[in-house]
Amino acid sequence: MVAGWLMIAGVLQAFINFDKLRLKFFPDDGLLYIPRGLKIVCMYSFFVCDWYWVVLMYFYRGTIGW
């Protein structure tokens, strides 16, 4: 579950931060470059979301555990 979450977050970060990679997979999306401010907001959002997930796993380790 955690490995899947990290994979999804990594793929999203790659598509947000590497414009050439995104354009290789989605050439007709209409955006040549994503603005830097939007990239920074996405990185902070992923950071907060990941730490929220860590906190949930800690407090509900009986439910989420093996």
PDB file of N, CA and C in Angstrom:
ATOM      1  N   MET A   1       0.829  -1.190   0.000  1.00  0.00           N
ATOM      2  CA  MET A   1       0.000   0.000   0.000  1.00  0.00           C
ATOM      3  C   MET A   1       0.873   1.252   0.000  1.00  0.00           C
ATOM      4  N   VAL A   2       1.870   1.266   0.863  1.00  0.00           N
ATOM      5  CA  VAL A   2       2.748   2.431   0.928  1.00  0.00           C
ATOM      6  C   VAL A   2       3.571   2.550  -0.350  1.00  0.00           C
ATOM      7  N   ALA A   3       4.052   1.428  -0.871  1.00  0.00           N
ATOM      8  CA  ALA A   3       4.828   1.461  -2.117  1.00  0.00           C
ATOM      9  C   ALA A   3       3.978   1.986  -3.274  1.00  0.00           C
ATOM     10  N   GLY A   4       2.720   1.602  -3.323  1.00  0.00           N
ATOM     11  CA  GLY A   4       1.818   2.115  -4.358  1.00  0.00           C
ATOM     12  C   GLY A   4       1.602   3.606  -4.221  1.00  0.00           C
ATOM     13  N   TRP A   5       1.440   4.061  -2.983  1.00  0.00           N
ATOM     14  CA  TRP A   5       1.255   5.495  -2.741  1.00  0.00           C
ATOM     15  C   TRP A   5       2.493   6.270  -3.190  1.00  0.00           C
ATOM     16  N   LEU A   6       3.682   5.770  -2.851  1.00  0.00           N
ATOM     17  CA  LEU A   6       4.914   6.449  -3.247  1.00  0.00           C
ATOM     18  C   LEU A   6       5.088   6.442  -4.761  1.00  0.00           C
ATOM     19  N   MET A   7       4.685   5.359  -5.428  1.00  0.00           N
ATOM     20  CA  MET A   7       4.794   5.311  -6.876  1.00  0.00           C
ATOM     21  C   MET A   7       3.889   6.355  -7.526  1.00  0.00           C
ATOM     22  N   ILE A   8       2.660   6.451  -7.053  1.00  0.00           N
ATOM     23  CA  ILE A   8       1.725   7.430  -7.605  1.00  0.00           C
ATOM     24  C   ILE A   8       2.246   8.843  -7.376  1.00  0.00           C
ATOM     25  N   ALA A   9       2.729   9.126  -6.172  1.00  0.00           N
ATOM     26  CA  ALA A   9       3.271  10.455  -5.870  1.00  0.00           C
ATOM     27  C   ALA A   9       4.488  10.753  -6.743  1.00  0.00           C
ATOM     28  N   GLY A  10       5.333   9.764  -6.947  1.00  0.00           N
ATOM     29  CA  GLY A  10       6.510   9.966  -7.783  1.00  0.00           C
ATOM     30  C   GLY A  10       6.163  10.235  -9.239  1.00  0.00           C
ATOM     31  N   VAL A  11       5.204   9.498  -9.772  1.00  0.00           N
ATOM     32  CA  VAL A  11       4.780   9.720 -11.154  1.00  0.00           C
ATOM     33  C   VAL A  11       4.160  11.106 -11.312  1.00  0.00           C
ATOM     34  N   LEU A  12       3.319  11.505 -10.372  1.00  0.00           N
ATOM     35  CA  LEU A  12       2.730  12.837 -10.442  1.00  0.00           C
ATOM     36  C   LEU A  12       3.791  13.927 -10.351  1.00  0.00           C
ATOM     37  N   GLN A  13       4.754  13.757  -9.447  1.00  0.00           N
ATOM     38  CA  GLN A  13       5.837  14.741  -9.336  1.00  0.00           C
ATOM     39  C   GLN A  13       6.649  14.803 -10.632  1.00  0.00           C
ATOM     40  N   ALA A  14       6.913  13.664 -11.232  1.00  0.00           N
ATOM     41  CA  ALA A  14       7.684  13.649 -12.481  1.00  0.00           C
ATOM     42  C   ALA A  14       6.945  14.400 -13.582  1.00  0.00           C
ATOM     43  N   PHE A  15       5.642  14.180 -13.702  1.00  0.00           N
ATOM     44  CA  PHE A  15       4.886  14.868 -14.748  1.00  0.00           C
ATOM     45  C   PHE A  15       4.746  16.355 -14.471  1.00  0.00           C
ATOM     46  N   ILE A  16       4.717  16.744 -13.200  1.00  0.00           N
ATOM     47  CA  ILE A  16       4.598  18.163 -12.867  1.00  0.00           C
ATOM     48  C   ILE A  16       5.927  18.877 -13.064  1.00  0.00           C
ATOM     49  N   ASN A  17       7.022  18.273 -12.631  1.00  0.00           N
ATOM     50  CA  ASN A  17       8.302  18.975 -12.598  1.00  0.00           C
ATOM     51  C   ASN A  17       9.144  18.830 -13.856  1.00  0.00           C
ATOM     52  N   PHE A  18       8.870  17.841 -14.677  1.00  0.00           N
ATOM     53  CA  PHE A  18       9.655  17.650 -15.898  1.00  0.00           C
ATOM     54  C   PHE A  18       8.738  17.819 -17.106  1.00  0.00           C
ATOM     55  N   ASP A  19       8.771  19.031 -17.666  1.00  0.00           N
ATOM     56  CA  ASP A  19       7.856  19.368 -18.756  1.00  0.00           C
ATOM     57  C   ASP A  19       8.098  18.520 -20.002  1.00  0.00           C
ATOM     58  N   LYS A  20       9.349  18.215 -20.316  1.00  0.00           N
ATOM     59  CA  LYS A  20       9.636  17.410 -21.512  1.00  0.00           C
ATOM     60  C   LYS A  20       9.071  15.996 -21.382  1.00  0.00           C
ATOM     61  N   LEU A  21       9.153  15.434 -20.185  1.00  0.00           N
ATOM     62  CA  LEU A  21       8.582  14.103 -19.954  1.00  0.00           C
ATOM     63  C   LEU A  21       7.066  14.139 -20.108  1.00  0.00           C
ATOM     64  N   ARG A  22       6.430  15.159 -19.536  1.00  0.00           N
ATOM     65  CA  ARG A  22       4.972  15.289 -19.639  1.00  0.00           C
ATOM     66  C   ARG A  22       4.549  15.449 -21.089  1.00  0.00           C
ATOM     67  N   LEU A  23       5.281  16.268 -21.844  1.00  0.00           N
ATOM     68  CA  LEU A  23       4.926  16.483 -23.250  1.00  0.00           C
ATOM     69  C   LEU A  23       5.175  15.241 -24.102  1.00  0.00           C
ATOM     70  N   LYS A  24       6.086  14.384 -23.666  1.00  0.00           N
ATOM     71  CA  LYS A  24       6.330  13.142 -24.396  1.00  0.00           C
ATOM     72  C   LYS A  24       5.117  12.213 -24.317  1.00  0.00           C
ATOM     73  N   PHE A  25       4.471  12.163 -23.144  1.00  0.00           N
ATOM     74  CA  PHE A  25       3.306  11.302 -22.956  1.00  0.00           C
ATOM     75  C   PHE A  25       1.994  11.995 -23.335  1.00  0.00           C
ATOM     76  N   PHE A  26       1.923  13.311 -23.135  1.00  0.00           N
ATOM     77  CA  PHE A  26       0.711  14.085 -23.430  1.00  0.00           C
ATOM     78  C   PHE A  26       1.065  15.276 -24.310  1.00  0.00           C
ATOM     79  N   PRO A  27       1.312  15.044 -25.598  1.00  0.00           N
ATOM     80  CA  PRO A  27       1.787  16.142 -26.457  1.00  0.00           C
ATOM     81  C   PRO A  27       0.735  17.208 -26.759  1.00  0.00           C
ATOM     82  N   ASP A  28      -0.529  16.893 -26.631  1.00  0.00           N
ATOM     83  CA  ASP A  28      -1.586  17.845 -27.008  1.00  0.00           C
ATOM     84  C   ASP A  28      -2.321  18.416 -25.810  1.00  0.00           C
ATOM     85  N   ASP A  29      -1.637  18.602 -24.676  1.00  0.00           N
ATOM     86  CA  ASP A  29      -2.348  19.105 -23.498  1.00  0.00           C
ATOM     87  C   ASP A  29      -2.482  20.628 -23.494  1.00  0.00           C
ATOM     88  N   GLY A  30      -1.837  21.327 -24.428  1.00  0.00           N
ATOM     89  CA  GLY A  30      -2.030  22.770 -24.560  1.00  0.00           C
ATOM     90  C   GLY A  30      -1.078  23.613 -23.729  1.00  0.00           C
ATOM     91  N   LEU A  31      -0.315  23.016 -22.827  1.00  0.00           N
ATOM     92  CA  LEU A  31       0.639  23.763 -22.010  1.00  0.00           C
ATOM     93  C   LEU A  31       2.053  23.353 -22.382  1.00  0.00           C
ATOM     94  N   LEU A  32       2.844  24.315 -22.837  1.00  0.00           N
ATOM     95  CA  LEU A  32       4.226  24.006 -23.145  1.00  0.00           C
ATOM     96  C   LEU A  32       5.038  23.892 -21.855  1.00  0.00           C
ATOM     97  N   TYR A  33       4.805  24.827 -20.935  1.00  0.00           N
ATOM     98  CA  TYR A  33       5.483  24.811 -19.641  1.00  0.00           C
ATOM     99  C   TYR A  33       4.479  25.089 -18.536  1.00  0.00           C
ATOM    100  N   ILE A  34       4.604  24.381 -17.440  1.00  0.00           N
ATOM    101  CA  ILE A  34       3.786  24.653 -16.263  1.00  0.00           C
ATOM    102  C   ILE A  34       4.492  25.731 -15.461  1.00  0.00           C
ATOM    103  N   PRO A  35       3.774  26.761 -15.009  1.00  0.00           N
ATOM    104  CA  PRO A  35       4.415  27.848 -14.263  1.00  0.00           C
ATOM    105  C   PRO A  35       5.112  27.362 -12.992  1.00  0.00           C
ATOM    106  N   ARG A  36       6.213  28.021 -12.648  1.00  0.00           N
ATOM    107  CA  ARG A  36       7.021  27.640 -11.494  1.00  0.00           C
ATOM    108  C   ARG A  36       6.214  27.699 -10.198  1.00  0.00           C
ATOM    109  N   GLY A  37       5.379  28.714 -10.033  1.00  0.00           N
ATOM    110  CA  GLY A  37       4.576  28.842  -8.820  1.00  0.00           C
ATOM    111  C   GLY A  37       3.653  27.650  -8.627  1.00  0.00           C
ATOM    112  N   LEU A  38       3.063  27.156  -9.694  1.00  0.00           N
ATOM    113  CA  LEU A  38       2.184  25.993  -9.608  1.00  0.00           C
ATOM    114  C   LEU A  38       2.970  24.744  -9.230  1.00  0.00           C
ATOM    115  N   LYS A  39       4.188  24.622  -9.744  1.00  0.00           N
ATOM    116  CA  LYS A  39       5.032  23.483  -9.383  1.00  0.00           C
ATOM    117  C   LYS A  39       5.364  23.507  -7.891  1.00  0.00           C
ATOM    118  N   ILE A  40       5.653  24.686  -7.364  1.00  0.00           N
ATOM    119  CA  ILE A  40       5.981  24.807  -5.936  1.00  0.00           C
ATOM    120  C   ILE A  40       4.770  24.468  -5.081  1.00  0.00           C
ATOM    121  N   VAL A  41       3.596  24.945  -5.454  1.00  0.00           N
ATOM    122  CA  VAL A  41       2.378  24.625  -4.712  1.00  0.00           C
ATOM    123  C   VAL A  41       2.116  23.114  -4.730  1.00  0.00           C
ATOM    124  N   CYS A  42       2.326  22.471  -5.855  1.00  0.00           N
ATOM    125  CA  CYS A  42       2.129  21.020  -5.942  1.00  0.00           C
ATOM    126  C   CYS A  42       3.123  20.279  -5.059  1.00  0.00           C
ATOM    127  N   MET A  43       4.369  20.740  -5.016  1.00  0.00           N
ATOM    128  CA  MET A  43       5.348  20.072  -4.164  1.00  0.00           C
ATOM    129  C   MET A  43       4.979  20.197  -2.692  1.00  0.00           C
ATOM    130  N   TYR A  44       4.545  21.389  -2.261  1.00  0.00           N
ATOM    131  CA  TYR A  44       4.118  21.560  -0.874  1.00  0.00           C
ATOM    132  C   TYR A  44       2.873  20.730  -0.569  1.00  0.00           C
ATOM    133  N   SER A  45       1.961  20.636  -1.526  1.00  0.00           N
ATOM    134  CA  SER A  45       0.756  19.832  -1.328  1.00  0.00           C
ATOM    135  C   SER A  45       1.104  18.363  -1.153  1.00  0.00           C
ATOM    136  N   PHE A  46       2.008  17.845  -1.979  1.00  0.00           N
ATOM    137  CA  PHE A  46       2.441  16.465  -1.833  1.00  0.00           C
ATOM    138  C   PHE A  46       3.124  16.253  -0.487  1.00  0.00           C
ATOM    139  N   PHE A  47       3.939  17.218  -0.056  1.00  0.00           N
ATOM    140  CA  PHE A  47       4.626  17.106   1.216  1.00  0.00           C
ATOM    141  C   PHE A  47       3.630  16.995   2.369  1.00  0.00           C
ATOM    142  N   VAL A  48       2.640  17.881   2.388  1.00  0.00           N
ATOM    143  CA  VAL A  48       1.627  17.859   3.451  1.00  0.00           C
ATOM    144  C   VAL A  48       0.807  16.574   3.386  1.00  0.00           C
ATOM    145  N   CYS A  49       0.436  16.161   2.195  1.00  0.00           N
ATOM    146  CA  CYS A  49      -0.357  14.950   2.034  1.00  0.00           C
ATOM    147  C   CYS A  49       0.416  13.717   2.495  1.00  0.00           C
ATOM    148  N   ASP A  50       1.694  13.651   2.153  1.00  0.00           N
ATOM    149  CA  ASP A  50       2.508  12.510   2.583  1.00  0.00           C
ATOM    150  C   ASP A  50       2.645  12.467   4.096  1.00  0.00           C
ATOM    151  N   TRP A  51       2.875  13.608   4.738  1.00  0.00           N
ATOM    152  CA  TRP A  51       3.001  13.609   6.191  1.00  0.00           C
ATOM    153  C   TRP A  51       1.673  13.323   6.876  1.00  0.00           C
ATOM    154  N   TYR A  52       0.569  13.755   6.273  1.00  0.00           N
ATOM    155  CA  TYR A  52      -0.749  13.404   6.810  1.00  0.00           C
ATOM    156  C   TYR A  52      -0.931  11.887   6.780  1.00  0.00           C
ATOM    157  N   TRP A  53      -0.492  11.276   5.685  1.00  0.00           N
ATOM    158  CA  TRP A  53      -0.574   9.824   5.547  1.00  0.00           C
ATOM    159  C   TRP A  53       0.272   9.140   6.612  1.00  0.00           C
ATOM    160  N   VAL A  54       1.480   9.662   6.860  1.00  0.00           N
ATOM    161  CA  VAL A  54       2.348   9.086   7.883  1.00  0.00           C
ATOM    162  C   VAL A  54       1.689   9.183   9.262  1.00  0.00           C
ATOM    163  N   VAL A  55       1.096  10.317   9.583  1.00  0.00           N
ATOM    164  CA  VAL A  55       0.418  10.498  10.867  1.00  0.00           C
ATOM    165  C   VAL A  55      -0.758   9.526  10.995  1.00  0.00           C
ATOM    166  N   LEU A  56      -1.532   9.372   9.933  1.00  0.00           N
ATOM    167  CA  LEU A  56      -2.643   8.418   9.969  1.00  0.00           C
ATOM    168  C   LEU A  56      -2.139   6.991  10.190  1.00  0.00           C
ATOM    169  N   MET A  57      -1.042   6.624   9.533  1.00  0.00           N
ATOM    170  CA  MET A  57      -0.503   5.279   9.720  1.00  0.00           C
ATOM    171  C   MET A  57      -0.014   5.082  11.148  1.00  0.00           C
ATOM    172  N   TYR A  58       0.525   6.127  11.768  1.00  0.00           N
ATOM    173  CA  TYR A  58       1.013   6.009  13.138  1.00  0.00           C
ATOM    174  C   TYR A  58      -0.142   5.844  14.127  1.00  0.00           C
ATOM    175  N   PHE A  59      -1.155   6.700  14.010  1.00  0.00           N
ATOM    176  CA  PHE A  59      -2.248   6.653  14.976  1.00  0.00           C
ATOM    177  C   PHE A  59      -3.204   5.480  14.766  1.00  0.00           C
ATOM    178  N   TYR A  60      -3.301   4.984  13.558  1.00  0.00           N
ATOM    179  CA  TYR A  60      -4.183   3.851  13.256  1.00  0.00           C
ATOM    180  C   TYR A  60      -3.381   2.637  12.814  1.00  0.00           C
ATOM    181  N   ARG A  61      -2.233   2.412  13.464  1.00  0.00           N
ATOM    182  CA  ARG A  61      -1.371   1.299  13.066  1.00  0.00           C
ATOM    183  C   ARG A  61      -2.018  -0.055  13.323  1.00  0.00           C
ATOM    184  N   GLY A  62      -2.974  -0.120  14.209  1.00  0.00           N
ATOM    185  CA  GLY A  62      -3.690  -1.379  14.414  1.00  0.00           C
ATOM    186  C   GLY A  62      -4.598  -1.722  13.243  1.00  0.00           C
ATOM    187  N   THR A  63      -5.112  -0.729  12.582  1.00  0.00           N
ATOM    188  CA  THR A  63      -6.001  -0.930  11.435  1.00  0.00           C
ATOM    189  C   THR A  63      -5.211  -1.090  10.143  1.00  0.00           C
ATOM    190  N   ILE A  64      -4.179  -0.292   9.972  1.00  0.00           N
ATOM    191  CA  ILE A  64      -3.433  -0.271   8.709  1.00  0.00           C
ATOM    192  C   ILE A  64      -2.318  -1.316   8.712  1.00  0.00           C
ATOM    193  N   GLY A  65      -1.916  -1.804   9.886  1.00  0.00           N
ATOM    194  CA  GLY A  65      -0.777  -2.723  10.002  1.00  0.00           C
ATOM    195  C   GLY A  65      -1.000  -4.027   9.258  1.00  0.00           C
ATOM    196  N   TRP A  66      -0.057  -4.923   9.456  1.00  0.00           N
ATOM    197  CA  TRP A  66      -0.101  -6.203   8.755  1.00  0.00           C
ATOM    198  C   TRP A  66      -1.345  -6.952   9.099  1.00  0.00           C
TER     199      TRP A  66
END
